[in-house]
C-alpha atoms as a PDB file:
ATOM      1  CA  MET A   1      63.649 -61.364   7.665  1.00  0.00           C
ATOM      2  CA  ARG A   2      59.980 -63.399   6.742  1.00  0.00           C
ATOM      3  CA  ILE A   3      57.422 -62.440   5.005  1.00  0.00           C
ATOM      4  CA  LEU A   4      54.359 -61.166   6.189  1.00  0.00           C
ATOM      5  CA  ARG A   5      52.285 -60.351   2.934  1.00  0.00           C
ATOM      6  CA  GLU A   6      53.398 -59.668  -0.522  1.00  0.00           C
ATOM      7  CA  GLU A   7      52.504 -56.656  -2.900  1.00  0.00           C
ATOM      8  CA  GLU A   8      53.949 -54.123  -5.075  1.00  0.00           C
ATOM      9  CA  ILE A   9      56.090 -51.471  -4.027  1.00  0.00           C
ATOM     10  CA  THR A  10      57.995 -49.082  -6.126  1.00  0.00           C
ATOM     11  CA  ILE A  11      62.255 -49.269  -5.390  1.00  0.00           C
ATOM     12  CA  PRO A  12      62.044 -45.861  -3.372  1.00  0.00           C
ATOM     13  CA  GLU A  13      59.857 -47.949  -0.962  1.00  0.00           C
ATOM     14  CA  VAL A  14      62.515 -51.432  -0.940  1.00  0.00           C
ATOM     15  CA  ARG A  15      65.103 -48.410  -0.138  1.00  0.00           C
ATOM     16  CA  LYS A  16      63.096 -46.975   2.771  1.00  0.00           C
ATOM     17  CA  ILE A  17      62.340 -50.786   4.338  1.00  0.00           C
ATOM     18  CA  LEU A  18      65.930 -51.981   3.653  1.00  0.00           C
ATOM     19  CA  GLU A  19      67.117 -48.751   4.611  1.00  0.00           C
ATOM     20  CA  GLU A  20      65.384 -49.186   8.407  1.00  0.00           C
ATOM     21  CA  LYS A  21      66.860 -53.270   8.602  1.00  0.00           C
ATOM     22  CA  ALA A  22      70.077 -52.021   7.709  1.00  0.00           C
ATOM     23  CA  GLU A  23      72.673 -53.744  10.377  1.00  0.00           C
ATOM     24  CA  THR A  24      70.633 -56.951   9.514  1.00  0.00           C
ATOM     25  CA  LEU A  25      70.839 -58.085   5.740  1.00  0.00           C
ATOM     26  CA  ASP A  26      72.001 -60.603   4.626  1.00  0.00           C
ATOM     27  CA  ILE A  27      74.231 -59.993   0.775  1.00  0.00           C
ATOM     28  CA  TYR A  28      71.454 -60.623  -0.925  1.00  0.00           C
ATOM     29  CA  GLN A  29      69.225 -57.669   0.706  1.00  0.00           C
ATOM     30  CA  ARG A  30      72.988 -55.928   0.630  1.00  0.00           C
ATOM     31  CA  ARG A  31      72.600 -55.806  -3.236  1.00  0.00           C
ATOM     32  CA  VAL A  32      68.907 -54.649  -3.084  1.00  0.00           C
ATOM     33  CA  LEU A  33      69.876 -52.187  -1.118  1.00  0.00           C
ATOM     34  CA  ASP A  34      72.799 -50.704  -3.024  1.00  0.00           C
ATOM     35  CA  TYR A  35      70.265 -51.410  -6.368  1.00  0.00           C
ATOM     36  CA  ALA A  36      67.279 -49.434  -4.809  1.00  0.00           C
ATOM     37  CA  ILE A  37      69.562 -46.895  -3.235  1.00  0.00           C
ATOM     38  CA  LYS A  38      70.871 -46.578  -7.414  1.00  0.00           C
ATOM     39  CA  PHE A  39      67.765 -46.527  -8.825  1.00  0.00           C
ATOM     40  CA  SER A  40      65.729 -44.947  -6.279  1.00  0.00           C
ATOM     41  CA  LYS A  41      64.049 -41.384  -8.376  1.00  0.00           C
ATOM     42  CA  LEU A  42      62.044 -39.557  -6.202  1.00  0.00           C
ATOM     43  CA  GLU A  43      62.019 -39.870  -1.811  1.00  0.00           C
ATOM     44  CA  PRO A  44      59.790 -42.728  -0.330  1.00  0.00           C
ATOM     45  CA  GLU A  45      56.646 -40.997   0.242  1.00  0.00           C
ATOM     46  CA  GLN A  46      56.565 -38.821  -2.964  1.00  0.00           C
ATOM     47  CA  ALA A  47      56.911 -42.293  -4.533  1.00  0.00           C
ATOM     48  CA  ARG A  48      53.877 -43.490  -2.788  1.00  0.00           C
ATOM     49  CA  LYS A  49      52.100 -40.189  -3.342  1.00  0.00           C
ATOM     50  CA  MET A  50      52.465 -40.972  -7.251  1.00  0.00           C
ATOM     51  CA  ARG A  51      51.561 -43.589  -7.841  1.00  0.00           C
ATOM     52  CA  VAL A  52      48.215 -43.306  -4.920  1.00  0.00           C
ATOM     53  CA  GLU A  53      47.690 -40.776  -7.770  1.00  0.00           C
ATOM     54  CA  LEU A  54      48.089 -42.918 -10.752  1.00  0.00           C
ATOM     55  CA  GLU A  55      45.870 -45.244  -9.627  1.00  0.00           C
ATOM     56  CA  ASN A  56      43.078 -42.626  -8.887  1.00  0.00           C
ATOM     57  CA  LEU A  57      43.844 -42.478 -12.902  1.00  0.00           C
ATOM     58  CA  GLY A  58      43.101 -45.649 -13.358  1.00  0.00           C
ATOM     59  CA  LEU A  59      45.762 -47.494 -13.867  1.00  0.00           C
ATOM     60  CA  ASP A  60      46.285 -50.682 -12.140  1.00  0.00           C
ATOM     61  CA  ARG A  61      48.903 -50.498  -8.676  1.00  0.00           C
ATOM     62  CA  SER A  62      51.793 -52.548 -11.195  1.00  0.00           C
ATOM     63  CA  VAL A  63      51.724 -50.332 -14.117  1.00  0.00           C
ATOM     64  CA  ALA A  64      51.658 -47.156 -11.315  1.00  0.00           C
ATOM     65  CA  THR A  65      54.377 -48.843  -9.875  1.00  0.00           C
ATOM     66  CA  GLN A  66      56.037 -49.514 -12.887  1.00  0.00           C
ATOM     67  CA  ILE A  67      55.483 -45.860 -13.947  1.00  0.00           C
ATOM     68  CA  VAL A  68      57.126 -44.688 -11.002  1.00  0.00           C
ATOM     69  CA  ASN A  69      59.971 -46.425 -10.963  1.00  0.00           C
ATOM     70  CA  THR A  70      61.199 -45.703 -14.701  1.00  0.00           C
ATOM     71  CA  MET A  71      59.482 -42.150 -14.889  1.00  0.00           C
ATOM     72  CA  PRO A  72      59.217 -42.101 -18.250  1.00  0.00           C
ATOM     73  CA  THR A  73      58.752 -38.807 -20.562  1.00  0.00           C
ATOM     74  CA  THR A  74      56.985 -38.532 -22.907  1.00  0.00           C
ATOM     75  CA  ALA A  75      53.863 -40.306 -24.150  1.00  0.00           C
ATOM     76  CA  ASP A  76      55.924 -43.657 -26.314  1.00  0.00           C
ATOM     77  CA  GLU A  77      57.122 -44.461 -22.865  1.00  0.00           C
ATOM     78  CA  VAL A  78      54.256 -44.796 -21.175  1.00  0.00           C
ATOM     79  CA  ARG A  79      52.750 -47.317 -23.614  1.00  0.00           C
ATOM     80  CA  MET A  80      55.887 -49.076 -23.760  1.00  0.00           C
ATOM     81  CA  ILE A  81      55.442 -49.951 -20.133  1.00  0.00           C
ATOM     82  CA  ILE A  82      50.931 -50.087 -20.430  1.00  0.00           C
ATOM     83  CA  GLY A  83      52.124 -52.821 -23.617  1.00  0.00           C
ATOM     84  CA  ARG A  84      49.757 -54.494 -25.130  1.00  0.00           C
ATOM     85  CA  GLN A  85      46.915 -55.172 -21.801  1.00  0.00           C
ATOM     86  CA  LYS A  86      45.473 -51.801 -22.436  1.00  0.00           C
ATOM     87  CA  ILE A  87      45.194 -48.981 -25.033  1.00  0.00           C
ATOM     88  CA  LEU A  88      44.951 -45.496 -23.326  1.00  0.00           C
ATOM     89  CA  PRO A  89      43.092 -43.034 -24.424  1.00  0.00           C
ATOM     90  CA  LYS A  90      45.700 -39.683 -25.843  1.00  0.00           C
ATOM     91  CA  LYS A  91      43.956 -37.179 -22.795  1.00  0.00           C
ATOM     92  CA  MET A  92      45.134 -40.269 -19.577  1.00  0.00           C
ATOM     93  CA  ILE A  93      48.634 -40.514 -21.026  1.00  0.00           C
ATOM     94  CA  THR A  94      48.737 -36.490 -21.161  1.00  0.00           C
ATOM     95  CA  ASP A  95      47.400 -37.150 -17.168  1.00  0.00           C
ATOM     96  CA  ILE A  96      49.698 -39.447 -16.387  1.00  0.00           C
ATOM     97  CA  LEU A  97      52.409 -37.489 -18.027  1.00  0.00           C
ATOM     98  CA  GLU A  98      51.797 -33.985 -15.804  1.00  0.00           C
ATOM     99  CA  VAL A  99      51.815 -36.221 -12.474  1.00  0.00           C
ATOM    100  CA  ILE A 100      55.080 -37.425 -13.507  1.00  0.00           C
ATOM    101  CA  ARG A 101      56.204 -33.673 -14.091  1.00  0.00           C
ATOM    102  CA  LYS A 102      54.849 -32.678 -10.596  1.00  0.00           C
ATOM    103  CA  TYR A 103      56.779 -35.246  -8.987  1.00  0.00           C
ATOM    104  CA  SER A 104      59.682 -35.365 -11.169  1.00  0.00           C
ATOM    105  CA  GLY A 105      59.805 -31.557 -10.240  1.00  0.00           C
ATOM    106  CA  LYS A 106      60.212 -30.593 -14.494  1.00  0.00           C
END
């Protein structure tokens, strides 16, 4: 494989890409695929849609990607992902948690 472009993607999206190339993966890529299978919490298309929805709330792509990857369930967990980069209003955190609930089915 060669690098065509670089962008942050979710674990489920990684899983999809590597599963499509499963026959040609080297040992390290197979380890990444195993990790992606184990830790994917959504289907790739759901993960992409969720990330876009989070970005539409005003989150950076990298933060939205981490939220999709970890699927936090509380406001404190969301704050930990966002870190000290930004202090979010309570309404935005509530909106983020609503998006997560929508995609997690809880």
